[in-house]
Amino acid sequence: ELGRHPHHGLLDGRLDAAERGLVESTLDRLDAREIAGERL
């Protein structure tokens, strides 16, 4: 989710629905959804 930081203002780090969808679809594309809840 930090990948969206450059597209937000300094005080607004909240993701909208489209951005959350982008995060989830990218995790799916990289077969990383199952590990996404683990600490890096």
All heavy atoms as atom14 arrays in JSON, in Angstrom:
{
  "sequence": "ELGRHPHHGLLDGRLDAAERGLVESTLDRLDAREIAGERL",
  "atom14_mask": [
    [1, 1, 1, 1, 1, 1, 1, 1, 1, 0, 0, 0, 0, 0],
    [1, 1, 1, 1, 1, 1, 1, 1, 0, 0, 0, 0, 0, 0],
    [1, 1, 1, 1, 0, 0, 0, 0, 0, 0, 0, 0, 0, 0],
    [1, 1, 1, 1, 1, 1, 1, 1, 1, 1, 1, 0, 0, 0],
    [1, 1, 1, 1, 1, 1, 1, 1, 1, 1, 0, 0, 0, 0],
    [1, 1, 1, 1, 1, 1, 1, 0, 0, 0, 0, 0, 0, 0],
    [1, 1, 1, 1, 1, 1, 1, 1, 1, 1, 0, 0, 0, 0],
    [1, 1, 1, 1, 1, 1, 1, 1, 1, 1, 0, 0, 0, 0],
    [1, 1, 1, 1, 0, 0, 0, 0, 0, 0, 0, 0, 0, 0],
    [1, 1, 1, 1, 1, 1, 1, 1, 0, 0, 0, 0, 0, 0],
    [1, 1, 1, 1, 1, 1, 1, 1, 0, 0, 0, 0, 0, 0],
    [1, 1, 1, 1, 1, 1, 1, 1, 0, 0, 0, 0, 0, 0],
    [1, 1, 1, 1, 0, 0, 0, 0, 0, 0, 0, 0, 0, 0],
    [1, 1, 1, 1, 1, 1, 1, 1, 1, 1, 1, 0, 0, 0],
    [1, 1, 1, 1, 1, 1, 1, 1, 0, 0, 0, 0, 0, 0],
    [1, 1, 1, 1, 1, 1, 1, 1, 0, 0, 0, 0, 0, 0],
    [1, 1, 1, 1, 1, 0, 0, 0, 0, 0, 0, 0, 0, 0],
    [1, 1, 1, 1, 1, 0, 0, 0, 0, 0, 0, 0, 0, 0],
    [1, 1, 1, 1, 1, 1, 1, 1, 1, 0, 0, 0, 0, 0],
    [1, 1, 1, 1, 1, 1, 1, 1, 1, 1, 1, 0, 0, 0],
    [1, 1, 1, 1, 0, 0, 0, 0, 0, 0, 0, 0, 0, 0],
    [1, 1, 1, 1, 1, 1, 1, 1, 0, 0, 0, 0, 0, 0],
    [1, 1, 1, 1, 1, 1, 1, 0, 0, 0, 0, 0, 0, 0],
    [1, 1, 1, 1, 1, 1, 1, 1, 1, 0, 0, 0, 0, 0],
    [1, 1, 1, 1, 1, 1, 0, 0, 0, 0, 0, 0, 0, 0],
    [1, 1, 1, 1, 1, 1, 1, 0, 0, 0, 0, 0, 0, 0],
    [1, 1, 1, 1, 1, 1, 1, 1, 0, 0, 0, 0, 0, 0],
    [1, 1, 1, 1, 1, 1, 1, 1, 0, 0, 0, 0, 0, 0],
    [1, 1, 1, 1, 1, 1, 1, 1, 1, 1, 1, 0, 0, 0],
    [1, 1, 1, 1, 1, 1, 1, 1, 0, 0, 0, 0, 0, 0],
    [1, 1, 1, 1, 1, 1, 1, 1, 0, 0, 0, 0, 0, 0],
    [1, 1, 1, 1, 1, 0, 0, 0, 0, 0, 0, 0, 0, 0],
    [1, 1, 1, 1, 1, 1, 1, 1, 1, 1, 1, 0, 0, 0],
    [1, 1, 1, 1, 1, 1, 1, 1, 1, 0, 0, 0, 0, 0],
    [1, 1, 1, 1, 1, 1, 1, 1, 0, 0, 0, 0, 0, 0],
    [1, 1, 1, 1, 1, 0, 0, 0, 0, 0, 0, 0, 0, 0],
    [1, 1, 1, 1, 0, 0, 0, 0, 0, 0, 0, 0, 0, 0],
    [1, 1, 1, 1, 1, 1, 1, 1, 1, 0, 0, 0, 0, 0],
    [1, 1, 1, 1, 1, 1, 1, 1, 1, 1, 1, 0, 0, 0],
    [1, 1, 1, 1, 1, 1, 1, 1, 0, 0, 0, 0, 0, 0]
  ],
  "atom14_positions": [
    [[0.81, -1.22, 0.0], [0.0, 0.0, 0.0], [0.85, 1.27, 0.0], [0.42, 2.32, -0.5], [-0.94, -0.01, 1.21], [-2.03, -1.06, 1.12], [-2.86, -1.17, 2.38], [-2.46, -0.54, 3.4], [-3.89, -1.86, 2.37], [0.0, 0.0, 0.0], [0.0, 0.0, 0.0], [0.0, 0.0, 0.0], [0.0, 0.0, 0.0], [0.0, 0.0, 0.0]],
    [[2.08, 1.17, 0.53], [2.97, 2.33, 0.53], [3.32, 2.78, -0.89], [3.73, 3.92, -1.1], [4.26, 2.01, 1.3], [4.14, 1.86, 2.81], [5.48, 1.44, 3.41], [3.66, 3.16, 3.45], [0.0, 0.0, 0.0], [0.0, 0.0, 0.0], [0.0, 0.0, 0.0], [0.0, 0.0, 0.0], [0.0, 0.0, 0.0], [0.0, 0.0, 0.0]],
    [[3.15, 1.88, -1.85], [3.41, 2.25, -3.23], [2.52, 3.36, -3.75], [2.86, 4.03, -4.73], [0.0, 0.0, 0.0], [0.0, 0.0, 0.0], [0.0, 0.0, 0.0], [0.0, 0.0, 0.0], [0.0, 0.0, 0.0], [0.0, 0.0, 0.0], [0.0, 0.0, 0.0], [0.0, 0.0, 0.0], [0.0, 0.0, 0.0], [0.0, 0.0, 0.0]],
    [[1.39, 3.59, -3.1], [0.49, 4.66, -3.53], [0.84, 6.01, -2.89], [0.25, 7.03, -3.23], [-0.97, 4.3, -3.17], [-1.5, 3.08, -3.88], [-1.37, 3.2, -5.39], [-2.1, 4.36, -5.91], [-1.97, 4.82, -7.14], [-1.13, 4.25, -7.99], [-2.67, 5.87, -7.55], [0.0, 0.0, 0.0], [0.0, 0.0, 0.0], [0.0, 0.0, 0.0]],
    [[1.81, 6.02, -1.96], [2.15, 7.25, -1.24], [2.48, 8.42, -2.16], [2.04, 9.56, -1.9], [3.31, 6.99, -0.28], [3.77, 8.22, 0.45], [3.04, 8.82, 1.45], [4.9, 8.97, 0.3], [3.69, 9.89, 1.88], [4.81, 10.01, 1.21], [0.0, 0.0, 0.0], [0.0, 0.0, 0.0], [0.0, 0.0, 0.0], [0.0, 0.0, 0.0]],
    [[3.26, 8.24, -3.25], [3.59, 9.39, -4.1], [2.37, 10.04, -4.74], [2.46, 11.19, -5.2], [4.51, 8.79, -5.18], [5.07, 7.55, -4.56], [3.96, 7.02, -3.7], [0.0, 0.0, 0.0], [0.0, 0.0, 0.0], [0.0, 0.0, 0.0], [0.0, 0.0, 0.0], [0.0, 0.0, 0.0], [0.0, 0.0, 0.0], [0.0, 0.0, 0.0]],
    [[1.24, 9.35, -4.77], [0.04, 9.89, -5.42], [-0.88, 10.6, -4.43], [-1.96, 11.07, -4.82], [-0.72, 8.75, -6.11], [0.09, 8.05, -7.16], [0.13, 8.47, -8.47], [0.92, 6.97, -7.08], [0.95, 7.68, -9.16], [1.42, 6.75, -8.35], [0.0, 0.0, 0.0], [0.0, 0.0, 0.0], [0.0, 0.0, 0.0], [0.0, 0.0, 0.0]],
    [[-0.48, 10.69, -3.16], [-1.28, 11.33, -2.14], [-0.55, 12.54, -1.56], [0.67, 12.67, -1.69], [-1.6, 10.35, -1.0], [-2.55, 9.27, -1.39], [-3.9, 9.38, -1.26], [-2.32, 8.04, -1.92], [-4.48, 8.29, -1.69], [-3.55, 7.45, -2.1], [0.0, 0.0, 0.0], [0.0, 0.0, 0.0], [0.0, 0.0, 0.0], [0.0, 0.0, 0.0]],
    [[-1.28, 13.39, -0.88], [-0.65, 14.48, -0.15], [0.03, 13.94, 1.09], [-0.16, 12.79, 1.49], [0.0, 0.0, 0.0], [0.0, 0.0, 0.0], [0.0, 0.0, 0.0], [0.0, 0.0, 0.0], [0.0, 0.0, 0.0], [0.0, 0.0, 0.0], [0.0, 0.0, 0.0], [0.0, 0.0, 0.0], [0.0, 0.0, 0.0], [0.0, 0.0, 0.0]],
    [[0.81, 14.78, 1.73], [1.57, 14.36, 2.9], [0.69, 13.88, 4.03], [1.07, 13.0, 4.81], [2.45, 15.52, 3.38], [3.61, 15.91, 2.46], [4.33, 17.14, 3.03], [4.58, 14.75, 2.28], [0.0, 0.0, 0.0], [0.0, 0.0, 0.0], [0.0, 0.0, 0.0], [0.0, 0.0, 0.0], [0.0, 0.0, 0.0], [0.0, 0.0, 0.0]],
    [[-0.51, 14.44, 4.15], [-1.37, 14.11, 5.28], [-2.49, 13.14, 4.9], [-3.31, 12.79, 5.76], [-1.97, 15.39, 5.86], [-0.95, 16.42, 6.35], [-1.68, 17.66, 6.89], [-0.06, 15.83, 7.43], [0.0, 0.0, 0.0], [0.0, 0.0, 0.0], [0.0, 0.0, 0.0], [0.0, 0.0, 0.0], [0.0, 0.0, 0.0], [0.0, 0.0, 0.0]],
    [[-2.55, 12.73, 3.67], [-3.63, 11.86, 3.23], [-3.06, 10.57, 2.67], [-2.66, 10.49, 1.53], [-4.48, 12.57, 2.16], [-5.67, 11.72, 1.74], [-5.94, 10.7, 2.42], [-6.33, 12.06, 0.74], [0.0, 0.0, 0.0], [0.0, 0.0, 0.0], [0.0, 0.0, 0.0], [0.0, 0.0, 0.0], [0.0, 0.0, 0.0], [0.0, 0.0, 0.0]],
    [[-3.01, 9.55, 3.51], [-2.5, 8.26, 3.07], [-3.59, 7.24, 2.85], [-3.31, 6.06, 2.64], [0.0, 0.0, 0.0], [0.0, 0.0, 0.0], [0.0, 0.0, 0.0], [0.0, 0.0, 0.0], [0.0, 0.0, 0.0], [0.0, 0.0, 0.0], [0.0, 0.0, 0.0], [0.0, 0.0, 0.0], [0.0, 0.0, 0.0], [0.0, 0.0, 0.0]],
    [[-4.86, 7.68, 2.89], [-5.97, 6.75, 2.74], [-6.14, 6.35, 1.28], [-6.09, 7.19, 0.38], [-7.26, 7.38, 3.26], [-7.26, 7.65, 4.76], [-8.47, 8.46, 5.16], [-8.43, 9.79, 4.54], [-9.37, 10.7, 4.72], [-10.43, 10.42, 5.47], [-9.27, 11.89, 4.13], [0.0, 0.0, 0.0], [0.0, 0.0, 0.0], [0.0, 0.0, 0.0]],
    [[-6.36, 5.07, 1.05], [-6.57, 4.57, -0.31], [-8.05, 4.56, -0.64], [-8.89, 4.21, 0.2], [-6.01, 3.15, -0.45], [-4.55, 2.92, -0.07], [-4.13, 1.51, -0.47], [-3.64, 3.95, -0.71], [0.0, 0.0, 0.0], [0.0, 0.0, 0.0], [0.0, 0.0, 0.0], [0.0, 0.0, 0.0], [0.0, 0.0, 0.0], [0.0, 0.0, 0.0]],
    [[-8.38, 4.94, -1.86], [-9.77, 4.84, -2.28], [-10.04, 3.43, -2.79], [-9.15, 2.57, -2.82], [-10.11, 5.92, -3.31], [-9.27, 5.8, -4.59], [-8.81, 4.68, -4.91], [-9.1, 6.82, -5.27], [0.0, 0.0, 0.0], [0.0, 0.0, 0.0], [0.0, 0.0, 0.0], [0.0, 0.0, 0.0], [0.0, 0.0, 0.0], [0.0, 0.0, 0.0]],
    [[-11.28, 3.18, -3.2], [-11.67, 1.84, -3.62], [-10.86, 1.36, -4.81], [-10.46, 0.18, -4.88], [-13.16, 1.82, -3.94], [0.0, 0.0, 0.0], [0.0, 0.0, 0.0], [0.0, 0.0, 0.0], [0.0, 0.0, 0.0], [0.0, 0.0, 0.0], [0.0, 0.0, 0.0], [0.0, 0.0, 0.0], [0.0, 0.0, 0.0], [0.0, 0.0, 0.0]],
    [[-10.59, 2.26, -5.77], [-9.83, 1.86, -6.95], [-8.4, 1.48, -6.57], [-7.84, 0.51, -7.11], [-9.81, 3.01, -7.96], [0.0, 0.0, 0.0], [0.0, 0.0, 0.0], [0.0, 0.0, 0.0], [0.0, 0.0, 0.0], [0.0, 0.0, 0.0], [0.0, 0.0, 0.0], [0.0, 0.0, 0.0], [0.0, 0.0, 0.0], [0.0, 0.0, 0.0]],
    [[-7.82, 2.22, -5.64], [-6.45, 1.91, -5.21], [-6.39, 0.61, -4.43], [-5.46, -0.19, -4.6], [-5.91, 3.07, -4.37], [-5.62, 4.31, -5.19], [-5.22, 5.49, -4.32], [-5.91, 5.75, -3.32], [-4.21, 6.14, -4.64], [0.0, 0.0, 0.0], [0.0, 0.0, 0.0], [0.0, 0.0, 0.0], [0.0, 0.0, 0.0], [0.0, 0.0, 0.0]],
    [[-7.39, 0.38, -3.59], [-7.42, -0.9, -2.88], [-7.57, -2.06, -3.86], [-6.97, -3.12, -3.68], [-8.55, -0.9, -1.85], [-8.29, 0.0, -0.64], [-9.26, -0.3, 0.48], [-10.64, -0.01, 0.1], [-11.23, 1.18, 0.23], [-10.54, 2.2, 0.74], [-12.48, 1.35, -0.13], [0.0, 0.0, 0.0], [0.0, 0.0, 0.0], [0.0, 0.0, 0.0]],
    [[-8.36, -1.84, -4.9], [-8.5, -2.86, -5.92], [-7.19, -3.11, -6.65], [-6.86, -4.26, -6.98], [0.0, 0.0, 0.0], [0.0, 0.0, 0.0], [0.0, 0.0, 0.0], [0.0, 0.0, 0.0], [0.0, 0.0, 0.0], [0.0, 0.0, 0.0], [0.0, 0.0, 0.0], [0.0, 0.0, 0.0], [0.0, 0.0, 0.0], [0.0, 0.0, 0.0]],
    [[-6.42, -2.03, -6.91], [-5.12, -2.17, -7.56], [-4.17, -2.98, -6.69], [-3.43, -3.84, -7.18], [-4.54, -0.79, -7.85], [-3.13, -0.75, -8.44], [-3.09, -1.47, -9.79], [-2.65, 0.69, -8.59], [0.0, 0.0, 0.0], [0.0, 0.0, 0.0], [0.0, 0.0, 0.0], [0.0, 0.0, 0.0], [0.0, 0.0, 0.0], [0.0, 0.0, 0.0]],
    [[-4.18, -2.72, -5.39], [-3.32, -3.46, -4.47], [-3.66, -4.95, -4.52], [-2.78, -5.8, -4.66], [-3.47, -2.92, -3.03], [-2.82, -3.87, -2.02], [-2.84, -1.53, -2.92], [0.0, 0.0, 0.0], [0.0, 0.0, 0.0], [0.0, 0.0, 0.0], [0.0, 0.0, 0.0], [0.0, 0.0, 0.0], [0.0, 0.0, 0.0], [0.0, 0.0, 0.0]],
    [[-4.95, -5.26, -4.42], [-5.36, -6.66, -4.38], [-5.09, -7.37, -5.71], [-4.65, -8.52, -5.73], [-6.84, -6.77, -4.0], [-7.16, -6.26, -2.61], [-6.32, -6.91, -1.53], [-6.08, -8.13, -1.59], [-5.86, -6.18, -0.61], [0.0, 0.0, 0.0], [0.0, 0.0, 0.0], [0.0, 0.0, 0.0], [0.0, 0.0, 0.0], [0.0, 0.0, 0.0]],
    [[-5.36, -6.7, -6.83], [-5.13, -7.33, -8.12], [-3.64, -7.55, -8.37], [-3.25, -8.55, -9.0], [-5.73, -6.48, -9.25], [-5.09, -5.21, -9.35], [0.0, 0.0, 0.0], [0.0, 0.0, 0.0], [0.0, 0.0, 0.0], [0.0, 0.0, 0.0], [0.0, 0.0, 0.0], [0.0, 0.0, 0.0], [0.0, 0.0, 0.0], [0.0, 0.0, 0.0]],
    [[-2.8, -6.64, -7.87], [-1.36, -6.79, -8.03], [-0.85, -7.95, -7.18], [-0.01, -8.74, -7.62], [-0.63, -5.48, -7.66], [-1.11, -4.42, -8.48], [0.88, -5.63, -7.87], [0.0, 0.0, 0.0], [0.0, 0.0, 0.0], [0.0, 0.0, 0.0], [0.0, 0.0, 0.0], [0.0, 0.0, 0.0], [0.0, 0.0, 0.0], [0.0, 0.0, 0.0]],
    [[-1.35, -8.05, -5.96], [-0.99, -9.19, -5.11], [-1.39, -10.5, -5.77], [-0.63, -11.48, -5.76], [-1.65, -9.05, -3.74], [-1.07, -7.99, -2.81], [-1.97, -7.79, -1.59], [0.35, -8.35, -2.36], [0.0, 0.0, 0.0], [0.0, 0.0, 0.0], [0.0, 0.0, 0.0], [0.0, 0.0, 0.0], [0.0, 0.0, 0.0], [0.0, 0.0, 0.0]],
    [[-2.58, -10.53, -6.36], [-3.03, -11.73, -7.06], [-2.11, -12.05, -8.24], [-1.74, -13.21, -8.46], [-4.47, -11.55, -7.55], [-5.5, -11.69, -6.45], [-5.17, -12.3, -5.41], [-6.61, -11.17, -6.62], [0.0, 0.0, 0.0], [0.0, 0.0, 0.0], [0.0, 0.0, 0.0], [0.0, 0.0, 0.0], [0.0, 0.0, 0.0], [0.0, 0.0, 0.0]],
    [[-1.77, -11.01, -9.01], [-0.94, -11.23, -10.21], [0.41, -11.8, -9.85], [1.0, -12.6, -10.62], [-0.76, -9.9, -10.96], [0.12, -10.01, -12.21], [-0.53, -10.93, -13.21], [0.33, -11.19, -14.36], [1.27, -12.13, -14.41], [1.51, -12.88, -13.33], [1.99, -12.32, -15.49], [0.0, 0.0, 0.0], [0.0, 0.0, 0.0], [0.0, 0.0, 0.0]],
    [[0.94, -11.44, -8.68], [2.26, -11.92, -8.27], [2.18, -13.12, -7.34], [3.19, -13.5, -6.74], [3.03, -10.78, -7.58], [3.27, -9.52, -8.41], [4.21, -8.57, -7.67], [3.85, -9.85, -9.77], [0.0, 0.0, 0.0], [0.0, 0.0, 0.0], [0.0, 0.0, 0.0], [0.0, 0.0, 0.0], [0.0, 0.0, 0.0], [0.0, 0.0, 0.0]],
    [[0.98, -13.7, -7.24], [0.78, -14.87, -6.35], [1.25, -14.56, -4.93], [1.91, -15.37, -4.28], [1.52, -16.1, -6.89], [0.93, -16.59, -8.21], [-0.29, -16.49, -8.37], [1.7, -17.06, -9.06], [0.0, 0.0, 0.0], [0.0, 0.0, 0.0], [0.0, 0.0, 0.0], [0.0, 0.0, 0.0], [0.0, 0.0, 0.0], [0.0, 0.0, 0.0]],
    [[0.9, -13.38, -4.45], [1.38, -12.93, -3.14], [0.26, -12.67, -2.15], [0.53, -12.22, -1.04], [2.22, -11.66, -3.31], [0.0, 0.0, 0.0], [0.0, 0.0, 0.0], [0.0, 0.0, 0.0], [0.0, 0.0, 0.0], [0.0, 0.0, 0.0], [0.0, 0.0, 0.0], [0.0, 0.0, 0.0], [0.0, 0.0, 0.0], [0.0, 0.0, 0.0]],
    [[-0.99, -12.96, -2.51], [-2.09, -12.66, -1.6], [-1.97, -13.47, -0.3], [-2.22, -12.96, 0.79], [-3.43, -12.93, -2.27], [-4.61, -12.59, -1.36], [-5.92, -13.03, -1.99], [-6.32, -12.14, -3.07], [-7.07, -11.04, -2.89], [-7.45, -10.7, -1.67], [-7.41, -10.29, -3.91], [0.0, 0.0, 0.0], [0.0, 0.0, 0.0], [0.0, 0.0, 0.0]],
    [[-1.58, -14.73, -0.41], [-1.54, -15.59, 0.78], [-0.49, -15.15, 1.8], [-0.61, -15.45, 2.98], [-1.27, -17.04, 0.37], [-2.44, -17.68, -0.37], [-2.21, -19.15, -0.63], [-1.12, -19.67, -0.24], [-3.09, -19.8, -1.24], [0.0, 0.0, 0.0], [0.0, 0.0, 0.0], [0.0, 0.0, 0.0], [0.0, 0.0, 0.0], [0.0, 0.0, 0.0]],
    [[0.54, -14.45, 1.34], [1.59, -14.01, 2.27], [1.43, -12.55, 2.66], [2.2, -12.04, 3.48], [2.99, -14.21, 1.65], [3.13, -13.41, 0.35], [3.26, -15.69, 1.4], [4.53, -13.44, -0.24], [0.0, 0.0, 0.0], [0.0, 0.0, 0.0], [0.0, 0.0, 0.0], [0.0, 0.0, 0.0], [0.0, 0.0, 0.0], [0.0, 0.0, 0.0]],
    [[0.44, -11.87, 2.09], [0.31, -10.42, 2.3], [0.01, -10.06, 3.75], [0.33, -8.97, 4.19], [-0.78, -9.85, 1.39], [0.0, 0.0, 0.0], [0.0, 0.0, 0.0], [0.0, 0.0, 0.0], [0.0, 0.0, 0.0], [0.0, 0.0, 0.0], [0.0, 0.0, 0.0], [0.0, 0.0, 0.0], [0.0, 0.0, 0.0], [0.0, 0.0, 0.0]],
    [[-0.6, -10.99, 4.49], [-0.91, -10.69, 5.89], [0.24, -10.94, 6.84], [0.16, -10.58, 8.03], [0.0, 0.0, 0.0], [0.0, 0.0, 0.0], [0.0, 0.0, 0.0], [0.0, 0.0, 0.0], [0.0, 0.0, 0.0], [0.0, 0.0, 0.0], [0.0, 0.0, 0.0], [0.0, 0.0, 0.0], [0.0, 0.0, 0.0], [0.0, 0.0, 0.0]],
    [[1.32, -11.53, 6.35], [2.48, -11.8, 7.2], [3.38, -10.56, 7.28], [3.4, -9.72, 6.36], [3.3, -12.96, 6.63], [2.51, -14.25, 6.44], [2.09, -14.84, 7.76], [2.81, -14.65, 8.76], [1.02, -15.49, 7.8], [0.0, 0.0, 0.0], [0.0, 0.0, 0.0], [0.0, 0.0, 0.0], [0.0, 0.0, 0.0], [0.0, 0.0, 0.0]],
    [[4.11, -10.44, 8.37], [5.08, -9.34, 8.48], [6.2, -9.55, 7.47], [6.69, -10.67, 7.3], [5.64, -9.27, 9.89], [4.61, -8.83, 10.92], [5.18, -8.83, 12.32], [4.18, -8.41, 13.3], [4.36, -8.45, 14.61], [5.5, -8.92, 15.11], [3.41, -8.03, 15.43], [0.0, 0.0, 0.0], [0.0, 0.0, 0.0], [0.0, 0.0, 0.0]],
    [[6.6, -8.46, 6.82], [7.62, -8.57, 5.78], [8.91, -9.2, 6.32], [9.55, -10.0, 5.64], [7.93, -7.19, 5.19], [8.83, -7.2, 3.95], [8.08, -7.75, 2.75], [9.36, -5.8, 3.63], [0.0, 0.0, 0.0], [0.0, 0.0, 0.0], [0.0, 0.0, 0.0], [0.0, 0.0, 0.0], [0.0, 0.0, 0.0], [0.0, 0.0, 0.0]]
  ]
}
